[in-house]
C-alpha cells in the first residue's frame, strides 16, 4: 500500500488497541502504543530511501529484506525498545504486541497488490503478489479516514475500527471474487492463455491485463467484467546477440529483467550507437507503456547510458538519458 494508507492504518490500530484492557486502563501505555503502531506501520518502507541512490537499486530491493520474516520480528523489537526507553512507565509487553501487529499488517496488506513483497524471505526469495488491491485503494484509505473522523467526534475507537476491519475483510473477499471472474472471462476470450497477469486500478471494476500464450502477448483491459484486447505482440525469444549480452550487464536493465515477467524488446542502431529497449506490458496507460529500461551502447558495445523506471513520454525519456550522459 502507499505511505498515506499505511499511516492511517497505524493510527487506526492505535484506536483498535483500546479494546485491550491493559491499554484502556493505562493512558501512558495507550500513548506509547499509538506511537508504536504508527511507527510500526511505516518501518518496513524505510527502503524507499533507496530511490535516492537510483531506480535500479530501488526496483531490486524495495519490499525485499525490510519486509522479510526476520525484519517483521526485528522492527517491533527496535521500535518498542526505543519507545520503552523514552516511556519506561509503559507496559512493554503490550507495547511490543501492538507494534508487532502494525509491522505484520503492513507486510501482510502489501502482499495483496500486484507489486508484492518478499515476505517469505529467507525461506523463499519469491515475490508474493496476489494482485487484488491497487497500491492506493480509495475505499481502503477512505474508510480509515472516515473512522478517524468519527473517532474525533467521540465514537469509541475500539469497536469502531473492529467494525471497519470486518467490512474490509468482506471487501477483500469481493476483490478476490472479481479477480477470479475476470480470469475466467480472459480464458474464454483467449483460450490459449498460459499465464494471466492482472493489475488492479484505483477504479473498483477496472483491471489492467497482460496475457502470455505460446506465440503471443496480449494486453487488455477489463471494465465491469467485460474484457477488451488492446494490443497483441508476437512472443519473440531473446536472440543470441553480442549487443544484447553487453546490454544485460547494465544494472538498470538487469533490475528491469528481475522485476518484469512480461515484456517486449527492441534492438536498434541509431547513428553511431545501439539502443536496446525493454518495455513492460503490464502497465499500458493511454496507449503508452510507461515502465521501460533503455541502454545505449557505442560501436564497441561499451555502455554509454541507461535508464529504468516510469516515463510517460518519449521526450522525457530522452531527457533522462541525456542527463545521464
C-alpha atoms as a PDB file:
ATOM      1  CA  UNK A   1       0.000   0.000   0.000  1.00  0.00           C
ATOM      2  CA  UNK A   2       1.012   3.649  -0.273  1.00  0.00           C
ATOM      3  CA  UNK A   3       2.531   5.622   2.616  1.00  0.00           C
ATOM      4  CA  UNK A   4      -0.689   7.524   3.362  1.00  0.00           C
ATOM      5  CA  UNK A   5      -2.742   4.346   3.733  1.00  0.00           C
ATOM      6  CA  UNK A   6      -0.139   2.742   5.982  1.00  0.00           C
ATOM      7  CA  UNK A   7      -0.158   5.906   8.104  1.00  0.00           C
ATOM      8  CA  UNK A   8      -3.938   5.965   8.669  1.00  0.00           C
ATOM      9  CA  UNK A   9      -3.848   2.219   9.334  1.00  0.00           C
ATOM     10  CA  UNK A  10      -1.238   2.829  12.029  1.00  0.00           C
ATOM     11  CA  UNK A  11      -3.498   5.348  13.763  1.00  0.00           C
ATOM     12  CA  UNK A  12      -6.484   3.014  13.370  1.00  0.00           C
ATOM     13  CA  UNK A  13      -4.576   0.186  15.048  1.00  0.00           C
ATOM     14  CA  UNK A  14      -3.870   2.541  17.913  1.00  0.00           C
ATOM     15  CA  UNK A  15      -7.629   3.038  18.218  1.00  0.00           C
ATOM     16  CA  UNK A  16      -8.302  -0.682  17.951  1.00  0.00           C
ATOM     17  CA  UNK A  17      -5.794  -1.253  20.741  1.00  0.00           C
ATOM     18  CA  UNK A  18      -8.177   0.442  23.190  1.00  0.00           C
ATOM     19  CA  UNK A  19     -10.058  -2.881  23.254  1.00  0.00           C
ATOM     20  CA  UNK A  20      -7.042  -4.251  25.146  1.00  0.00           C
ATOM     21  CA  UNK A  21      -7.973  -3.842  28.854  1.00  0.00           C
ATOM     22  CA  UNK A  22      -4.377  -3.043  29.845  1.00  0.00           C
ATOM     23  CA  UNK A  23      -4.214  -0.207  27.308  1.00  0.00           C
ATOM     24  CA  UNK A  24      -7.735   1.049  28.046  1.00  0.00           C
ATOM     25  CA  UNK A  25      -6.838   1.483  31.739  1.00  0.00           C
ATOM     26  CA  UNK A  26      -3.374   2.999  31.248  1.00  0.00           C
ATOM     27  CA  UNK A  27      -3.131   6.338  29.348  1.00  0.00           C
ATOM     28  CA  UNK A  28       0.669   6.212  29.351  1.00  0.00           C
ATOM     29  CA  UNK A  29       0.741   2.777  27.699  1.00  0.00           C
ATOM     30  CA  UNK A  30      -2.006   3.924  25.303  1.00  0.00           C
ATOM     31  CA  UNK A  31       0.130   6.866  24.176  1.00  0.00           C
ATOM     32  CA  UNK A  32       3.169   4.627  23.710  1.00  0.00           C
ATOM     33  CA  UNK A  33       1.127   2.068  21.779  1.00  0.00           C
ATOM     34  CA  UNK A  34      -0.294   4.578  19.293  1.00  0.00           C
ATOM     35  CA  UNK A  35       3.253   5.828  18.668  1.00  0.00           C
ATOM     36  CA  UNK A  36       4.343   2.197  18.204  1.00  0.00           C
ATOM     37  CA  UNK A  37       1.543   1.365  15.761  1.00  0.00           C
ATOM     38  CA  UNK A  38       2.226   4.468  13.671  1.00  0.00           C
ATOM     39  CA  UNK A  39       5.979   3.816  13.536  1.00  0.00           C
ATOM     40  CA  UNK A  40       5.459   0.089  13.005  1.00  0.00           C
ATOM     41  CA  UNK A  41       3.100   0.741  10.109  1.00  0.00           C
ATOM     42  CA  UNK A  42       5.828   2.782   8.360  1.00  0.00           C
ATOM     43  CA  UNK A  43       9.052   0.950   9.298  1.00  0.00           C
ATOM     44  CA  UNK A  44       9.160  -1.711   6.528  1.00  0.00           C
ATOM     45  CA  UNK A  45       9.082   1.019   3.875  1.00  0.00           C
ATOM     46  CA  UNK A  46      12.314   2.558   5.103  1.00  0.00           C
ATOM     47  CA  UNK A  47      13.877   1.055   1.967  1.00  0.00           C
ATOM     48  CA  UNK A  48      12.152   3.827  -0.010  1.00  0.00           C
ATOM     49  CA  UNK A  49      15.321   5.839   0.627  1.00  0.00           C
ATOM     50  CA  UNK A  50      16.957   3.607  -1.997  1.00  0.00           C
ATOM     51  CA  UNK A  51      15.275   5.831  -4.588  1.00  0.00           C
ATOM     52  CA  UNK A  52      17.853   8.456  -3.661  1.00  0.00           C
ATOM     53  CA  UNK A  53      20.549   6.138  -4.943  1.00  0.00           C
ATOM     54  CA  UNK A  54      19.000   5.042  -8.249  1.00  0.00           C
ATOM     55  CA  UNK A  55      15.959   3.279  -9.687  1.00  0.00           C
ATOM     56  CA  UNK A  56      17.836   0.041 -10.325  1.00  0.00           C
ATOM     57  CA  UNK A  57      18.725  -0.472  -6.660  1.00  0.00           C
ATOM     58  CA  UNK A  58      15.209   0.562  -5.602  1.00  0.00           C
ATOM     59  CA  UNK A  59      13.471  -1.851  -8.010  1.00  0.00           C
ATOM     60  CA  UNK A  60      15.660  -4.771  -6.960  1.00  0.00           C
ATOM     61  CA  UNK A  61      15.325  -4.198  -3.215  1.00  0.00           C
ATOM     62  CA  UNK A  62      12.079  -2.365  -2.397  1.00  0.00           C
ATOM     63  CA  UNK A  63       9.824  -4.603  -0.285  1.00  0.00           C
ATOM     64  CA  UNK A  64      12.622  -7.119  -0.080  1.00  0.00           C
ATOM     65  CA  UNK A  65      14.650  -7.639   3.084  1.00  0.00           C
ATOM     66  CA  UNK A  66      12.753  -4.942   5.040  1.00  0.00           C
ATOM     67  CA  UNK A  67       9.547  -6.974   4.534  1.00  0.00           C
ATOM     68  CA  UNK A  68      11.145 -10.354   5.288  1.00  0.00           C
ATOM     69  CA  UNK A  69      10.384 -12.669   8.216  1.00  0.00           C
ATOM     70  CA  UNK A  70      13.488 -11.552  10.215  1.00  0.00           C
ATOM     71  CA  UNK A  71      12.556  -7.904   9.626  1.00  0.00           C
ATOM     72  CA  UNK A  72       8.973  -8.463  10.812  1.00  0.00           C
ATOM     73  CA  UNK A  73      10.426  -9.842  14.044  1.00  0.00           C
ATOM     74  CA  UNK A  74      13.150  -7.216  14.362  1.00  0.00           C
ATOM     75  CA  UNK A  75      11.205  -3.999  13.662  1.00  0.00           C
ATOM     76  CA  UNK A  76       8.859  -4.378  16.686  1.00  0.00           C
ATOM     77  CA  UNK A  77      11.806  -5.021  19.000  1.00  0.00           C
ATOM     78  CA  UNK A  78      13.625  -1.908  17.774  1.00  0.00           C
ATOM     79  CA  UNK A  79      10.571   0.361  17.860  1.00  0.00           C
ATOM     80  CA  UNK A  80       9.086  -0.853  21.147  1.00  0.00           C
ATOM     81  CA  UNK A  81      12.533  -0.874  22.744  1.00  0.00           C
ATOM     82  CA  UNK A  82      13.165   2.730  21.728  1.00  0.00           C
ATOM     83  CA  UNK A  83       9.732   3.843  22.921  1.00  0.00           C
ATOM     84  CA  UNK A  84      10.129   1.989  26.221  1.00  0.00           C
ATOM     85  CA  UNK A  85      13.449   3.748  26.773  1.00  0.00           C
ATOM     86  CA  UNK A  86      11.625   7.066  26.387  1.00  0.00           C
ATOM     87  CA  UNK A  87       8.456   5.992  28.272  1.00  0.00           C
ATOM     88  CA  UNK A  88       9.592   3.391  30.854  1.00  0.00           C
ATOM     89  CA  UNK A  89       6.208   3.588  32.641  1.00  0.00           C
ATOM     90  CA  UNK A  90       4.502   1.899  29.689  1.00  0.00           C
ATOM     91  CA  UNK A  91       3.624  -1.803  29.730  1.00  0.00           C
ATOM     92  CA  UNK A  92       6.364  -3.203  27.494  1.00  0.00           C
ATOM     93  CA  UNK A  93       4.653  -6.492  26.593  1.00  0.00           C
ATOM     94  CA  UNK A  94       1.516  -4.825  25.265  1.00  0.00           C
ATOM     95  CA  UNK A  95       3.567  -2.116  23.584  1.00  0.00           C
ATOM     96  CA  UNK A  96       5.540  -4.806  21.749  1.00  0.00           C
ATOM     97  CA  UNK A  97       2.448  -6.846  20.836  1.00  0.00           C
ATOM     98  CA  UNK A  98       0.627  -3.944  19.167  1.00  0.00           C
ATOM     99  CA  UNK A  99       3.783  -2.694  17.454  1.00  0.00           C
ATOM    100  CA  UNK A 100       4.332  -6.211  16.123  1.00  0.00           C
ATOM    101  CA  UNK A 101       0.760  -6.273  14.810  1.00  0.00           C
ATOM    102  CA  UNK A 102       1.348  -2.958  12.992  1.00  0.00           C
ATOM    103  CA  UNK A 103       4.521  -4.247  11.304  1.00  0.00           C
ATOM    104  CA  UNK A 104       2.927  -7.576  10.430  1.00  0.00           C
ATOM    105  CA  UNK A 105      -0.187  -5.895   8.992  1.00  0.00           C
ATOM    106  CA  UNK A 106       1.962  -3.601   6.846  1.00  0.00           C
ATOM    107  CA  UNK A 107       3.715  -6.553   5.222  1.00  0.00           C
ATOM    108  CA  UNK A 108       0.503  -8.585   5.032  1.00  0.00           C
ATOM    109  CA  UNK A 109      -1.517  -5.968   3.148  1.00  0.00           C
ATOM    110  CA  UNK A 110       1.375  -5.337   0.729  1.00  0.00           C
ATOM    111  CA  UNK A 111       1.045  -8.940  -0.427  1.00  0.00           C
ATOM    112  CA  UNK A 112      -2.344  -8.169  -1.963  1.00  0.00           C
ATOM    113  CA  UNK A 113      -1.186  -5.734  -4.657  1.00  0.00           C
ATOM    114  CA  UNK A 114       0.487  -6.512  -7.964  1.00  0.00           C
ATOM    115  CA  UNK A 115       3.978  -5.475  -6.828  1.00  0.00           C
ATOM    116  CA  UNK A 116       4.054  -7.814  -3.852  1.00  0.00           C
ATOM    117  CA  UNK A 117       6.806  -8.430  -1.306  1.00  0.00           C
ATOM    118  CA  UNK A 118       9.493 -10.959  -0.423  1.00  0.00           C
ATOM    119  CA  UNK A 119       7.533 -11.722   2.733  1.00  0.00           C
ATOM    120  CA  UNK A 120       8.770 -15.343   2.882  1.00  0.00           C
ATOM    121  CA  UNK A 121      12.452 -14.435   2.771  1.00  0.00           C
ATOM    122  CA  UNK A 122      14.795 -16.148   3.794  1.00  0.00           C
ATOM    123  CA  UNK A 123      12.680 -19.302   3.329  1.00  0.00           C
ATOM    124  CA  UNK A 124      11.999 -18.223  -0.253  1.00  0.00           C
ATOM    125  CA  UNK A 125      13.108 -15.211  -2.302  1.00  0.00           C
ATOM    126  CA  UNK A 126       9.960 -15.471  -4.427  1.00  0.00           C
ATOM    127  CA  UNK A 127       7.873 -12.303  -4.708  1.00  0.00           C
ATOM    128  CA  UNK A 128       4.423 -12.877  -3.220  1.00  0.00           C
ATOM    129  CA  UNK A 129       1.911 -10.730  -5.134  1.00  0.00           C
ATOM    130  CA  UNK A 130      -1.791 -11.607  -5.156  1.00  0.00           C
ATOM    131  CA  UNK A 131      -2.775  -8.666  -7.364  1.00  0.00           C
ATOM    132  CA  UNK A 132      -6.239  -7.864  -5.989  1.00  0.00           C
ATOM    133  CA  UNK A 133      -5.692  -4.416  -4.451  1.00  0.00           C
ATOM    134  CA  UNK A 134      -4.176  -1.344  -6.092  1.00  0.00           C
ATOM    135  CA  UNK A 135      -1.216   0.268  -4.328  1.00  0.00           C
ATOM    136  CA  UNK A 136      -3.583   3.105  -3.465  1.00  0.00           C
ATOM    137  CA  UNK A 137      -7.143   1.918  -2.933  1.00  0.00           C
ATOM    138  CA  UNK A 138      -9.620   4.801  -2.427  1.00  0.00           C
ATOM    139  CA  UNK A 139     -12.070   2.623  -0.488  1.00  0.00           C
ATOM    140  CA  UNK A 140      -9.482   1.334   1.989  1.00  0.00           C
ATOM    141  CA  UNK A 141      -7.994   4.780   2.513  1.00  0.00           C
ATOM    142  CA  UNK A 142     -11.413   6.446   2.674  1.00  0.00           C
ATOM    143  CA  UNK A 143     -12.937   4.066   5.234  1.00  0.00           C
ATOM    144  CA  UNK A 144      -9.926   4.584   7.509  1.00  0.00           C
ATOM    145  CA  UNK A 145     -10.207   8.364   7.215  1.00  0.00           C
ATOM    146  CA  UNK A 146     -13.947   8.141   7.922  1.00  0.00           C
ATOM    147  CA  UNK A 147     -13.191   6.080  11.014  1.00  0.00           C
ATOM    148  CA  UNK A 148     -10.651   8.626  12.244  1.00  0.00           C
ATOM    149  CA  UNK A 149     -13.182  11.433  11.768  1.00  0.00           C
ATOM    150  CA  UNK A 150     -15.835   9.511  13.713  1.00  0.00           C
ATOM    151  CA  UNK A 151     -13.266   8.860  16.442  1.00  0.00           C
ATOM    152  CA  UNK A 152     -12.697  12.598  16.590  1.00  0.00           C
ATOM    153  CA  UNK A 153     -16.434  13.082  17.104  1.00  0.00           C
ATOM    154  CA  UNK A 154     -16.381  10.771  20.109  1.00  0.00           C
ATOM    155  CA  UNK A 155     -17.166   7.314  18.735  1.00  0.00           C
ATOM    156  CA  UNK A 156     -15.459   4.513  20.718  1.00  0.00           C
ATOM    157  CA  UNK A 157     -12.372   3.766  18.584  1.00  0.00           C
ATOM    158  CA  UNK A 158     -12.005   0.111  19.529  1.00  0.00           C
ATOM    159  CA  UNK A 159     -15.430  -1.056  18.391  1.00  0.00           C
ATOM    160  CA  UNK A 160     -15.452   1.460  15.530  1.00  0.00           C
ATOM    161  CA  UNK A 161     -12.311   0.044  13.915  1.00  0.00           C
ATOM    162  CA  UNK A 162     -13.355  -3.511  14.724  1.00  0.00           C
ATOM    163  CA  UNK A 163     -16.425  -2.912  12.531  1.00  0.00           C
ATOM    164  CA  UNK A 164     -14.316  -1.211   9.855  1.00  0.00           C
ATOM    165  CA  UNK A 165     -11.887  -4.130   9.664  1.00  0.00           C
ATOM    166  CA  UNK A 166     -14.826  -6.523   9.429  1.00  0.00           C
ATOM    167  CA  UNK A 167     -16.061  -4.509   6.433  1.00  0.00           C
ATOM    168  CA  UNK A 168     -12.574  -4.644   4.906  1.00  0.00           C
ATOM    169  CA  UNK A 169     -12.475  -8.438   5.183  1.00  0.00           C
ATOM    170  CA  UNK A 170     -15.687  -8.541   3.120  1.00  0.00           C
ATOM    171  CA  UNK A 171     -14.157  -6.028   0.679  1.00  0.00           C
ATOM    172  CA  UNK A 172     -11.046  -8.159   0.164  1.00  0.00           C
ATOM    173  CA  UNK A 173     -13.174 -11.249  -0.437  1.00  0.00           C
ATOM    174  CA  UNK A 174     -15.154  -9.323  -3.075  1.00  0.00           C
ATOM    175  CA  UNK A 175     -11.904  -8.343  -4.811  1.00  0.00           C
ATOM    176  CA  UNK A 176     -10.801 -11.981  -4.987  1.00  0.00           C
ATOM    177  CA  UNK A 177     -14.187 -12.923  -6.431  1.00  0.00           C
ATOM    178  CA  UNK A 178     -13.929 -10.242  -9.102  1.00  0.00           C
ATOM    179  CA  UNK A 179     -10.352 -11.250  -9.936  1.00  0.00           C
ATOM    180  CA  UNK A 180     -11.491 -14.847 -10.457  1.00  0.00           C
ATOM    181  CA  UNK A 181     -14.364 -13.662 -12.646  1.00  0.00           C
ATOM    182  CA  UNK A 182     -12.008 -11.591 -14.836  1.00  0.00           C
ATOM    183  CA  UNK A 183      -9.620 -14.523 -15.238  1.00  0.00           C
ATOM    184  CA  UNK A 184     -12.482 -16.725 -16.422  1.00  0.00           C
ATOM    185  CA  UNK A 185     -13.519 -14.030 -18.892  1.00  0.00           C
ATOM    186  CA  UNK A 186      -9.957 -13.778 -20.217  1.00  0.00           C
ATOM    187  CA  UNK A 187      -9.722 -17.555 -20.696  1.00  0.00           C
ATOM    188  CA  UNK A 188     -12.962 -17.530 -22.669  1.00  0.00           C
ATOM    189  CA  UNK A 189     -11.655 -14.790 -24.956  1.00  0.00           C
ATOM    190  CA  UNK A 190      -8.069 -16.114 -25.162  1.00  0.00           C
ATOM    191  CA  UNK A 191      -8.347 -19.917 -24.793  1.00  0.00           C
ATOM    192  CA  UNK A 192      -4.590 -20.427 -25.189  1.00  0.00           C
ATOM    193  CA  UNK A 193      -3.724 -18.268 -22.174  1.00  0.00           C
ATOM    194  CA  UNK A 194      -0.819 -19.818 -20.294  1.00  0.00           C
ATOM    195  CA  UNK A 195      -0.410 -17.022 -17.768  1.00  0.00           C
ATOM    196  CA  UNK A 196      -2.738 -14.154 -16.873  1.00  0.00           C
ATOM    197  CA  UNK A 197      -1.345 -11.124 -15.047  1.00  0.00           C
ATOM    198  CA  UNK A 198      -3.959  -8.811 -13.550  1.00  0.00           C
ATOM    199  CA  UNK A 199      -3.174  -5.367 -12.161  1.00  0.00           C
ATOM    200  CA  UNK A 200      -5.978  -3.682 -10.224  1.00  0.00           C
ATOM    201  CA  UNK A 201      -6.509   0.047 -10.696  1.00  0.00           C
ATOM    202  CA  UNK A 202      -7.972   2.720  -8.434  1.00  0.00           C
ATOM    203  CA  UNK A 203     -11.326   2.136 -10.123  1.00  0.00           C
ATOM    204  CA  UNK A 204     -13.092  -0.800  -8.490  1.00  0.00           C
ATOM    205  CA  UNK A 205     -14.229  -2.536 -11.688  1.00  0.00           C
ATOM    206  CA  UNK A 206     -11.254  -1.722 -13.941  1.00  0.00           C
ATOM    207  CA  UNK A 207      -8.263  -4.047 -14.293  1.00  0.00           C
ATOM    208  CA  UNK A 208      -5.160  -3.988 -16.487  1.00  0.00           C
ATOM    209  CA  UNK A 209      -4.387  -7.356 -18.048  1.00  0.00           C
ATOM    210  CA  UNK A 210      -1.339  -8.969 -19.647  1.00  0.00           C
ATOM    211  CA  UNK A 211      -1.678 -12.462 -21.096  1.00  0.00           C
ATOM    212  CA  UNK A 212       1.023 -14.877 -22.208  1.00  0.00           C
ATOM    213  CA  UNK A 213       0.231 -17.570 -24.769  1.00  0.00           C
ATOM    214  CA  UNK A 214       2.545 -19.891 -26.642  1.00  0.00           C
ATOM    215  CA  UNK A 215       3.050 -17.457 -29.527  1.00  0.00           C
ATOM    216  CA  UNK A 216       1.755 -14.076 -28.357  1.00  0.00           C
ATOM    217  CA  UNK A 217       1.486 -11.471 -25.659  1.00  0.00           C
ATOM    218  CA  UNK A 218      -1.907  -9.822 -25.256  1.00  0.00           C
ATOM    219  CA  UNK A 219      -2.543  -6.536 -23.496  1.00  0.00           C
ATOM    220  CA  UNK A 220      -6.132  -5.997 -22.406  1.00  0.00           C
ATOM    221  CA  UNK A 221      -8.395  -4.120 -20.051  1.00  0.00           C
ATOM    222  CA  UNK A 222     -11.428  -5.215 -18.088  1.00  0.00           C
ATOM    223  CA  UNK A 223     -14.265  -2.806 -17.359  1.00  0.00           C
ATOM    224  CA  UNK A 224     -17.239  -4.044 -15.344  1.00  0.00           C
ATOM    225  CA  UNK A 225     -16.338  -7.621 -16.221  1.00  0.00           C
ATOM    226  CA  UNK A 226     -16.007  -7.006 -19.983  1.00  0.00           C
ATOM    227  CA  UNK A 227     -12.552  -7.751 -21.419  1.00  0.00           C
ATOM    228  CA  UNK A 228     -11.194  -5.662 -24.304  1.00  0.00           C
ATOM    229  CA  UNK A 229      -7.966  -6.659 -26.082  1.00  0.00           C
ATOM    230  CA  UNK A 230      -5.930  -3.518 -26.727  1.00  0.00           C
ATOM    231  CA  UNK A 231      -2.652  -4.789 -28.237  1.00  0.00           C
ATOM    232  CA  UNK A 232      -1.189  -8.057 -29.476  1.00  0.00           C
ATOM    233  CA  UNK A 233       2.532  -8.746 -29.832  1.00  0.00           C
ATOM    234  CA  UNK A 234       4.428 -11.739 -31.159  1.00  0.00           C
ATOM    235  CA  UNK A 235       6.207 -13.631 -28.420  1.00  0.00           C
ATOM    236  CA  UNK A 236       9.792 -13.424 -29.653  1.00  0.00           C
ATOM    237  CA  UNK A 237      12.520 -15.198 -27.632  1.00  0.00           C
ATOM    238  CA  UNK A 238      15.612 -13.210 -26.731  1.00  0.00           C
ATOM    239  CA  UNK A 239      18.108 -13.675 -29.577  1.00  0.00           C
ATOM    240  CA  UNK A 240      21.733 -14.628 -29.254  1.00  0.00           C
ATOM    241  CA  UNK A 241      23.268 -11.195 -29.744  1.00  0.00           C
ATOM    242  CA  UNK A 242      26.501  -9.589 -28.641  1.00  0.00           C
ATOM    243  CA  UNK A 243      24.651  -6.293 -28.345  1.00  0.00           C
ATOM    244  CA  UNK A 244      22.009  -7.786 -26.069  1.00  0.00           C
ATOM    245  CA  UNK A 245      24.532  -9.649 -23.927  1.00  0.00           C
ATOM    246  CA  UNK A 246      26.512  -6.445 -23.422  1.00  0.00           C
ATOM    247  CA  UNK A 247      23.332  -4.512 -22.540  1.00  0.00           C
ATOM    248  CA  UNK A 248      22.240  -7.127 -19.993  1.00  0.00           C
ATOM    249  CA  UNK A 249      25.347  -6.305 -17.934  1.00  0.00           C
ATOM    250  CA  UNK A 250      23.885  -2.864 -17.240  1.00  0.00           C
ATOM    251  CA  UNK A 251      22.413  -2.506 -13.736  1.00  0.00           C
ATOM    252  CA  UNK A 252      19.263  -0.761 -14.948  1.00  0.00           C
ATOM    253  CA  UNK A 253      18.372  -3.444 -17.478  1.00  0.00           C
ATOM    254  CA  UNK A 254      19.289  -6.200 -15.011  1.00  0.00           C
ATOM    255  CA  UNK A 255      16.928  -4.644 -12.452  1.00  0.00           C
ATOM    256  CA  UNK A 256      14.141  -4.435 -15.033  1.00  0.00           C
ATOM    257  CA  UNK A 257      14.546  -8.092 -16.012  1.00  0.00           C
ATOM    258  CA  UNK A 258      14.466  -9.150 -12.361  1.00  0.00           C
ATOM    259  CA  UNK A 259      11.147  -7.327 -11.915  1.00  0.00           C
ATOM    260  CA  UNK A 260       9.183  -7.697 -15.131  1.00  0.00           C
ATOM    261  CA  UNK A 261       7.609 -11.060 -16.084  1.00  0.00           C
ATOM    262  CA  UNK A 262       6.153  -9.952 -19.435  1.00  0.00           C
ATOM    263  CA  UNK A 263       7.831  -7.565 -21.855  1.00  0.00           C
ATOM    264  CA  UNK A 264       8.777  -6.939 -25.437  1.00  0.00           C
ATOM    265  CA  UNK A 265      12.157  -5.664 -26.622  1.00  0.00           C
ATOM    266  CA  UNK A 266      13.713  -3.638 -29.422  1.00  0.00           C
ATOM    267  CA  UNK A 267      17.314  -3.537 -30.619  1.00  0.00           C
ATOM    268  CA  UNK A 268      18.052  -0.655 -32.980  1.00  0.00           C
ATOM    269  CA  UNK A 269      21.100   1.065 -34.436  1.00  0.00           C
ATOM    270  CA  UNK A 270      20.777   4.834 -34.246  1.00  0.00           C
ATOM    271  CA  UNK A 271      23.551   6.781 -35.980  1.00  0.00           C
ATOM    272  CA  UNK A 272      26.744   5.756 -34.168  1.00  0.00           C
ATOM    273  CA  UNK A 273      25.227   3.858 -31.246  1.00  0.00           C
ATOM    274  CA  UNK A 274      22.901   0.975 -30.448  1.00  0.00           C
ATOM    275  CA  UNK A 275      19.726   1.254 -28.438  1.00  0.00           C
ATOM    276  CA  UNK A 276      18.339  -1.714 -26.509  1.00  0.00           C
ATOM    277  CA  UNK A 277      14.857  -1.109 -25.117  1.00  0.00           C
ATOM    278  CA  UNK A 278      12.703  -3.368 -22.948  1.00  0.00           C
ATOM    279  CA  UNK A 279       9.044  -2.455 -22.384  1.00  0.00           C
ATOM    280  CA  UNK A 280       6.892  -3.900 -19.597  1.00  0.00           C
ATOM    281  CA  UNK A 281       3.466  -4.810 -20.973  1.00  0.00           C
ATOM    282  CA  UNK A 282       1.536  -4.757 -17.683  1.00  0.00           C
ATOM    283  CA  UNK A 283       1.048  -1.024 -17.285  1.00  0.00           C
ATOM    284  CA  UNK A 284      -0.446   0.337 -20.523  1.00  0.00           C
ATOM    285  CA  UNK A 285      -1.786   3.851 -19.949  1.00  0.00           C
ATOM    286  CA  UNK A 286      -3.493   5.932 -22.665  1.00  0.00           C
ATOM    287  CA  UNK A 287      -1.843   3.872 -25.388  1.00  0.00           C
ATOM    288  CA  UNK A 288       1.626   4.206 -23.851  1.00  0.00           C
ATOM    289  CA  UNK A 289       3.761   1.708 -21.938  1.00  0.00           C
ATOM    290  CA  UNK A 290       5.449   3.783 -19.212  1.00  0.00           C
ATOM    291  CA  UNK A 291       7.680   1.236 -17.464  1.00  0.00           C
ATOM    292  CA  UNK A 292      10.835   0.716 -19.533  1.00  0.00           C
ATOM    293  CA  UNK A 293      14.533   0.008 -19.494  1.00  0.00           C
ATOM    294  CA  UNK A 294      16.779   1.576 -22.129  1.00  0.00           C
ATOM    295  CA  UNK A 295      20.501   1.034 -22.691  1.00  0.00           C
ATOM    296  CA  UNK A 296      22.696   2.871 -25.202  1.00  0.00           C
ATOM    297  CA  UNK A 297      25.957   1.279 -26.339  1.00  0.00           C
ATOM    298  CA  UNK A 298      28.715   2.542 -28.611  1.00  0.00           C
ATOM    299  CA  UNK A 299      30.082   0.646 -31.625  1.00  0.00           C
ATOM    300  CA  UNK A 300      32.457  -1.239 -29.321  1.00  0.00           C
ATOM    301  CA  UNK A 301      29.498  -2.272 -27.120  1.00  0.00           C
ATOM    302  CA  UNK A 302      30.538  -0.083 -24.215  1.00  0.00           C
ATOM    303  CA  UNK A 303      27.552   1.217 -22.240  1.00  0.00           C
ATOM    304  CA  UNK A 304      27.063   4.938 -22.818  1.00  0.00           C
ATOM    305  CA  UNK A 305      23.998   5.483 -20.620  1.00  0.00           C
ATOM    306  CA  UNK A 306      20.906   3.730 -19.393  1.00  0.00           C
ATOM    307  CA  UNK A 307      17.658   4.245 -17.535  1.00  0.00           C
ATOM    308  CA  UNK A 308      14.882   2.199 -15.999  1.00  0.00           C
ATOM    309  CA  UNK A 309      11.678   3.449 -14.435  1.00  0.00           C
ATOM    310  CA  UNK A 310       8.394   5.153 -15.181  1.00  0.00           C
ATOM    311  CA  UNK A 311       8.368   7.525 -18.143  1.00  0.00           C
ATOM    312  CA  UNK A 312       5.146   8.804 -19.706  1.00  0.00           C
ATOM    313  CA  UNK A 313       6.530  10.361 -22.885  1.00  0.00           C
ATOM    314  CA  UNK A 314       9.389   9.747 -25.273  1.00  0.00           C
ATOM    315  CA  UNK A 315      10.639  13.311 -24.799  1.00  0.00           C
ATOM    316  CA  UNK A 316      11.015  12.804 -21.040  1.00  0.00           C
ATOM    317  CA  UNK A 317      12.836   9.522 -21.606  1.00  0.00           C
ATOM    318  CA  UNK A 318      15.352  11.141 -23.941  1.00  0.00           C
ATOM    319  CA  UNK A 319      15.830  13.956 -21.430  1.00  0.00           C
ATOM    320  CA  UNK A 320      16.592  11.399 -18.704  1.00  0.00           C
ATOM    321  CA  UNK A 321      19.118   9.658 -20.928  1.00  0.00           C
ATOM    322  CA  UNK A 322      20.778  12.931 -21.887  1.00  0.00           C
ATOM    323  CA  UNK A 323      21.088  13.883 -18.214  1.00  0.00           C
ATOM    324  CA  UNK A 324      22.747  10.544 -17.520  1.00  0.00           C
ATOM    325  CA  UNK A 325      25.193  11.176 -20.352  1.00  0.00           C
END
